[in-house]
Amino acid sequence: MPEPAAPKPSLLPPSSVGPDDWPVQAADALERLVTTVKRKTTKPALTVARFLVYGTLAGILGLAALVLFSAGLVRLLDVYLPGNVWKAHLITGGLFTLAGLGIWTKRRASPVE
């Protein structure tokens, strides 16, 4: 004797609504659609916006910290090195030049087109 066919799975989740309650089913389907669209569009957009805001803030604060560090280094070297301030500027400039050359060697060349 053949076995009865299994019921086809529905795209809608099982609910307590009957087959005649199509407005509730339509509203549930619309709510799931809106939730899916929101999850796939709004959340990534918020993530990008947060990255831009916090990245800009970090860049501004980092630049301010670099300026304050370099001014403090020049003043510290000026106090502890005998002679004029040009020695402090020379040492600080040399340190920044070496840091820049180190970063320059880590760059990747762009592909030639």
N, C-alpha and C. Protein backbone atom coordinates (compact mmCIF):
# COMPACT_ATOMS: atom_id res chain seq x y z
N MET A 1 0.84 -1.17 0.00
CA MET A 1 0.00 0.00 0.00
C MET A 1 0.90 1.25 0.00
N PRO A 2 0.69 2.21 -0.90
CA PRO A 2 1.54 3.41 -0.94
C PRO A 2 1.30 4.29 0.29
N GLU A 3 2.41 4.94 0.70
CA GLU A 3 2.32 5.83 1.86
C GLU A 3 1.79 7.19 1.42
N PRO A 4 1.05 7.87 2.30
CA PRO A 4 0.54 9.19 1.92
C PRO A 4 1.68 10.19 1.76
N ALA A 5 1.51 11.11 0.82
CA ALA A 5 2.54 12.11 0.55
C ALA A 5 2.63 13.09 1.72
N ALA A 6 3.85 13.50 2.00
CA ALA A 6 4.07 14.47 3.08
C ALA A 6 3.58 15.83 2.64
N PRO A 7 3.06 16.62 3.56
CA PRO A 7 2.59 17.95 3.16
C PRO A 7 3.76 18.83 2.72
N LYS A 8 3.50 19.67 1.74
CA LYS A 8 4.53 20.57 1.24
C LYS A 8 4.84 21.62 2.31
N PRO A 9 6.14 21.92 2.47
CA PRO A 9 6.48 22.95 3.46
C PRO A 9 6.03 24.31 2.96
N SER A 10 5.50 25.09 3.87
CA SER A 10 5.03 26.43 3.52
C SER A 10 6.15 27.44 3.71
N LEU A 11 6.12 28.49 2.91
CA LEU A 11 7.09 29.57 3.08
C LEU A 11 6.77 30.41 4.31
N LEU A 12 5.53 30.37 4.71
CA LEU A 12 5.12 31.12 5.89
C LEU A 12 5.28 30.25 7.11
N PRO A 13 5.69 30.83 8.24
CA PRO A 13 5.82 30.03 9.45
C PRO A 13 4.45 29.59 9.94
N PRO A 14 4.41 28.46 10.64
CA PRO A 14 3.11 28.02 11.13
C PRO A 14 2.56 29.02 12.13
N SER A 15 1.30 29.26 12.04
CA SER A 15 0.67 30.21 12.96
C SER A 15 -0.70 29.67 13.34
N SER A 16 -1.34 30.37 14.21
CA SER A 16 -2.63 29.91 14.71
C SER A 16 -3.77 30.47 13.87
N VAL A 17 -3.44 31.17 12.76
CA VAL A 17 -4.50 31.73 11.93
C VAL A 17 -5.03 30.66 10.98
N GLY A 18 -6.26 30.77 10.65
CA GLY A 18 -6.89 29.81 9.75
C GLY A 18 -6.70 30.21 8.31
N PRO A 19 -7.13 29.37 7.36
CA PRO A 19 -6.96 29.67 5.94
C PRO A 19 -7.82 30.85 5.49
N ASP A 20 -8.86 31.18 6.23
CA ASP A 20 -9.71 32.31 5.84
C ASP A 20 -9.20 33.64 6.39
N ASP A 21 -8.13 33.61 7.15
CA ASP A 21 -7.62 34.83 7.78
C ASP A 21 -6.46 35.38 6.97
N TRP A 22 -6.69 35.64 5.69
CA TRP A 22 -5.63 36.10 4.81
C TRP A 22 -5.11 37.50 5.13
N PRO A 23 -5.86 38.43 5.73
CA PRO A 23 -5.26 39.73 6.07
C PRO A 23 -4.14 39.59 7.10
N VAL A 24 -4.30 38.69 8.05
CA VAL A 24 -3.25 38.50 9.05
C VAL A 24 -2.02 37.88 8.40
N GLN A 25 -2.24 36.93 7.50
CA GLN A 25 -1.11 36.32 6.80
C GLN A 25 -0.39 37.35 5.93
N ALA A 26 -1.14 38.21 5.27
CA ALA A 26 -0.52 39.25 4.43
C ALA A 26 0.26 40.24 5.27
N ALA A 27 -0.30 40.61 6.42
CA ALA A 27 0.41 41.54 7.30
C ALA A 27 1.69 40.90 7.85
N ASP A 28 1.64 39.61 8.20
CA ASP A 28 2.84 38.93 8.67
C ASP A 28 3.90 38.85 7.58
N ALA A 29 3.48 38.54 6.37
CA ALA A 29 4.43 38.47 5.25
C ALA A 29 5.05 39.84 4.99
N LEU A 30 4.26 40.90 5.05
CA LEU A 30 4.78 42.25 4.85
C LEU A 30 5.75 42.63 5.96
N GLU A 31 5.44 42.26 7.18
CA GLU A 31 6.32 42.56 8.30
C GLU A 31 7.66 41.83 8.15
N ARG A 32 7.62 40.58 7.71
CA ARG A 32 8.87 39.83 7.49
C ARG A 32 9.68 40.46 6.36
N LEU A 33 9.00 40.93 5.32
CA LEU A 33 9.70 41.58 4.21
C LEU A 33 10.38 42.87 4.67
N VAL A 34 9.66 43.68 5.42
CA VAL A 34 10.24 44.94 5.91
C VAL A 34 11.41 44.67 6.84
N THR A 35 11.28 43.67 7.69
CA THR A 35 12.37 43.32 8.61
C THR A 35 13.60 42.84 7.85
N THR A 36 13.40 42.06 6.81
CA THR A 36 14.51 41.57 6.01
C THR A 36 15.20 42.71 5.28
N VAL A 37 14.42 43.60 4.69
CA VAL A 37 15.00 44.75 3.99
C VAL A 37 15.78 45.63 4.96
N LYS A 38 15.22 45.85 6.14
CA LYS A 38 15.91 46.67 7.14
C LYS A 38 17.22 46.03 7.55
N ARG A 39 17.20 44.70 7.77
CA ARG A 39 18.40 44.01 8.21
C ARG A 39 19.49 44.07 7.14
N LYS A 40 19.10 44.06 5.87
CA LYS A 40 20.08 44.03 4.79
C LYS A 40 20.50 45.40 4.29
N THR A 41 19.79 46.45 4.67
CA THR A 41 20.16 47.79 4.18
C THR A 41 20.51 48.75 5.30
N THR A 42 19.66 48.88 6.28
CA THR A 42 19.85 49.90 7.31
C THR A 42 21.03 49.57 8.21
N LYS A 43 21.15 48.33 8.63
CA LYS A 43 22.24 47.98 9.54
C LYS A 43 23.62 48.15 8.89
N PRO A 44 23.84 47.71 7.64
CA PRO A 44 25.14 47.98 7.02
C PRO A 44 25.40 49.49 6.84
N ALA A 45 24.36 50.25 6.52
CA ALA A 45 24.54 51.70 6.37
C ALA A 45 24.92 52.33 7.70
N LEU A 46 24.31 51.89 8.79
CA LEU A 46 24.68 52.40 10.11
C LEU A 46 26.11 52.02 10.47
N THR A 47 26.52 50.83 10.10
CA THR A 47 27.89 50.40 10.38
C THR A 47 28.89 51.29 9.63
N VAL A 48 28.62 51.57 8.37
CA VAL A 48 29.51 52.44 7.59
C VAL A 48 29.52 53.85 8.16
N ALA A 49 28.36 54.37 8.53
CA ALA A 49 28.30 55.71 9.10
C ALA A 49 29.08 55.80 10.41
N ARG A 50 28.94 54.77 11.25
CA ARG A 50 29.70 54.78 12.51
C ARG A 50 31.19 54.72 12.24
N PHE A 51 31.60 53.89 11.28
CA PHE A 51 33.02 53.80 10.93
C PHE A 51 33.55 55.15 10.47
N LEU A 52 32.78 55.85 9.64
CA LEU A 52 33.23 57.16 9.16
C LEU A 52 33.33 58.17 10.29
N VAL A 53 32.33 58.20 11.16
CA VAL A 53 32.34 59.18 12.26
C VAL A 53 33.48 58.89 13.22
N TYR A 54 33.58 57.64 13.68
CA TYR A 54 34.62 57.31 14.65
C TYR A 54 36.01 57.36 14.01
N GLY A 55 36.12 57.01 12.75
CA GLY A 55 37.41 57.11 12.06
C GLY A 55 37.87 58.54 11.92
N THR A 56 36.93 59.44 11.58
CA THR A 56 37.28 60.85 11.48
C THR A 56 37.69 61.40 12.83
N LEU A 57 36.95 61.04 13.87
CA LEU A 57 37.30 61.50 15.22
C LEU A 57 38.67 60.97 15.64
N ALA A 58 38.94 59.70 15.37
CA ALA A 58 40.24 59.13 15.71
C ALA A 58 41.37 59.81 14.93
N GLY A 59 41.12 60.12 13.67
CA GLY A 59 42.14 60.81 12.88
C GLY A 59 42.44 62.21 13.41
N ILE A 60 41.39 62.94 13.77
CA ILE A 60 41.60 64.29 14.31
C ILE A 60 42.34 64.23 15.63
N LEU A 61 41.91 63.32 16.51
CA LEU A 61 42.59 63.20 17.81
C LEU A 61 44.03 62.71 17.65
N GLY A 62 44.25 61.80 16.71
CA GLY A 62 45.61 61.32 16.46
C GLY A 62 46.51 62.42 15.93
N LEU A 63 45.98 63.25 15.04
CA LEU A 63 46.77 64.37 14.52
C LEU A 63 47.10 65.37 15.62
N ALA A 64 46.12 65.66 16.47
CA ALA A 64 46.37 66.58 17.59
C ALA A 64 47.41 65.99 18.54
N ALA A 65 47.34 64.69 18.81
CA ALA A 65 48.32 64.05 19.69
C ALA A 65 49.71 64.10 19.07
N LEU A 66 49.82 63.92 17.75
CA LEU A 66 51.11 63.98 17.07
C LEU A 66 51.72 65.38 17.16
N VAL A 67 50.90 66.39 16.98
CA VAL A 67 51.39 67.77 17.08
C VAL A 67 51.87 68.07 18.50
N LEU A 68 51.06 67.67 19.49
CA LEU A 68 51.46 67.91 20.88
C LEU A 68 52.71 67.12 21.25
N PHE A 69 52.82 65.88 20.75
CA PHE A 69 54.01 65.08 21.02
C PHE A 69 55.26 65.73 20.43
N SER A 70 55.16 66.19 19.18
CA SER A 70 56.34 66.79 18.55
C SER A 70 56.74 68.09 19.23
N ALA A 71 55.76 68.91 19.63
CA ALA A 71 56.09 70.15 20.34
C ALA A 71 56.71 69.84 21.69
N GLY A 72 56.17 68.86 22.39
CA GLY A 72 56.73 68.47 23.69
C GLY A 72 58.13 67.90 23.55
N LEU A 73 58.38 67.13 22.49
CA LEU A 73 59.71 66.57 22.27
C LEU A 73 60.73 67.66 21.99
N VAL A 74 60.35 68.64 21.18
CA VAL A 74 61.26 69.76 20.90
C VAL A 74 61.56 70.52 22.19
N ARG A 75 60.56 70.78 23.00
CA ARG A 75 60.79 71.51 24.26
C ARG A 75 61.65 70.69 25.23
N LEU A 76 61.39 69.37 25.30
CA LEU A 76 62.18 68.52 26.19
C LEU A 76 63.64 68.48 25.75
N LEU A 77 63.87 68.31 24.46
CA LEU A 77 65.25 68.30 23.96
C LEU A 77 65.92 69.65 24.11
N ASP A 78 65.17 70.72 23.97
CA ASP A 78 65.74 72.06 24.12
C ASP A 78 66.20 72.30 25.55
N VAL A 79 65.48 71.74 26.51
CA VAL A 79 65.84 71.93 27.92
C VAL A 79 67.09 71.13 28.27
N TYR A 80 67.19 69.88 27.77
CA TYR A 80 68.27 69.01 28.19
C TYR A 80 69.49 69.00 27.28
N LEU A 81 69.41 69.58 26.09
CA LEU A 81 70.58 69.66 25.21
C LEU A 81 71.22 71.03 25.37
N PRO A 82 72.54 71.07 25.53
CA PRO A 82 73.18 72.39 25.62
C PRO A 82 73.21 73.07 24.24
N GLY A 83 73.16 74.36 24.23
CA GLY A 83 73.22 75.09 22.97
C GLY A 83 71.87 75.63 22.55
N ASN A 84 71.76 75.91 21.27
CA ASN A 84 70.55 76.52 20.73
C ASN A 84 69.46 75.47 20.44
N VAL A 85 68.28 76.00 20.06
CA VAL A 85 67.14 75.12 19.83
C VAL A 85 67.24 74.36 18.51
N TRP A 86 68.16 74.76 17.62
CA TRP A 86 68.22 74.10 16.32
C TRP A 86 68.59 72.62 16.46
N LYS A 87 69.31 72.26 17.54
CA LYS A 87 69.65 70.85 17.75
C LYS A 87 68.39 70.03 18.05
N ALA A 88 67.51 70.59 18.85
CA ALA A 88 66.26 69.89 19.15
C ALA A 88 65.41 69.73 17.90
N HIS A 89 65.37 70.77 17.07
CA HIS A 89 64.62 70.68 15.82
C HIS A 89 65.26 69.66 14.88
N LEU A 90 66.57 69.60 14.84
CA LEU A 90 67.28 68.67 13.98
C LEU A 90 66.99 67.22 14.40
N ILE A 91 67.05 66.95 15.68
CA ILE A 91 66.80 65.59 16.18
C ILE A 91 65.34 65.20 15.92
N THR A 92 64.41 66.10 16.22
CA THR A 92 62.98 65.79 16.01
C THR A 92 62.70 65.59 14.52
N GLY A 93 63.24 66.44 13.69
CA GLY A 93 63.05 66.28 12.24
C GLY A 93 63.67 65.00 11.74
N GLY A 94 64.82 64.63 12.27
CA GLY A 94 65.45 63.37 11.88
C GLY A 94 64.60 62.16 12.26
N LEU A 95 64.02 62.21 13.48
CA LEU A 95 63.15 61.11 13.91
C LEU A 95 61.93 60.98 13.00
N PHE A 96 61.31 62.11 12.67
CA PHE A 96 60.15 62.06 11.79
C PHE A 96 60.53 61.63 10.37
N THR A 97 61.72 62.01 9.92
CA THR A 97 62.19 61.58 8.60
C THR A 97 62.42 60.07 8.57
N LEU A 98 63.03 59.54 9.64
CA LEU A 98 63.24 58.10 9.70
C LEU A 98 61.91 57.35 9.78
N ALA A 99 60.96 57.89 10.52
CA ALA A 99 59.64 57.26 10.60
C ALA A 99 58.96 57.29 9.22
N GLY A 100 59.06 58.39 8.52
CA GLY A 100 58.48 58.50 7.19
C GLY A 100 59.14 57.56 6.19
N LEU A 101 60.46 57.42 6.26
CA LEU A 101 61.15 56.49 5.38
C LEU A 101 60.77 55.05 5.69
N GLY A 102 60.58 54.74 6.97
CA GLY A 102 60.14 53.39 7.34
C GLY A 102 58.77 53.08 6.79
N ILE A 103 57.86 54.04 6.87
CA ILE A 103 56.52 53.85 6.32
C ILE A 103 56.59 53.77 4.79
N TRP A 104 57.47 54.54 4.18
CA TRP A 104 57.61 54.54 2.73
C TRP A 104 58.06 53.17 2.21
N THR A 105 58.92 52.51 2.96
CA THR A 105 59.41 51.19 2.51
C THR A 105 58.32 50.11 2.66
N LYS A 106 57.32 50.33 3.48
CA LYS A 106 56.24 49.35 3.68
C LYS A 106 55.12 49.49 2.66
N ARG A 107 55.17 50.49 1.80
CA ARG A 107 54.08 50.69 0.85
C ARG A 107 54.10 49.61 -0.21
N ARG A 108 52.93 49.44 -0.84
CA ARG A 108 52.81 48.48 -1.95
C ARG A 108 52.72 49.28 -3.24
N ALA A 109 53.41 48.82 -4.24
CA ALA A 109 53.37 49.49 -5.54
C ALA A 109 52.03 49.17 -6.21
N SER A 110 51.45 50.17 -6.86
CA SER A 110 50.22 49.94 -7.59
C SER A 110 50.51 49.21 -8.89
N PRO A 111 49.60 48.37 -9.36
CA PRO A 111 49.85 47.63 -10.60
C PRO A 111 49.91 48.59 -11.80
N VAL A 112 50.80 48.31 -12.70
CA VAL A 112 50.96 49.15 -13.89
C VAL A 112 49.88 48.76 -14.89
N GLU A 113 49.19 49.76 -15.40
CA GLU A 113 48.11 49.49 -16.36
C GLU A 113 48.55 49.79 -17.76
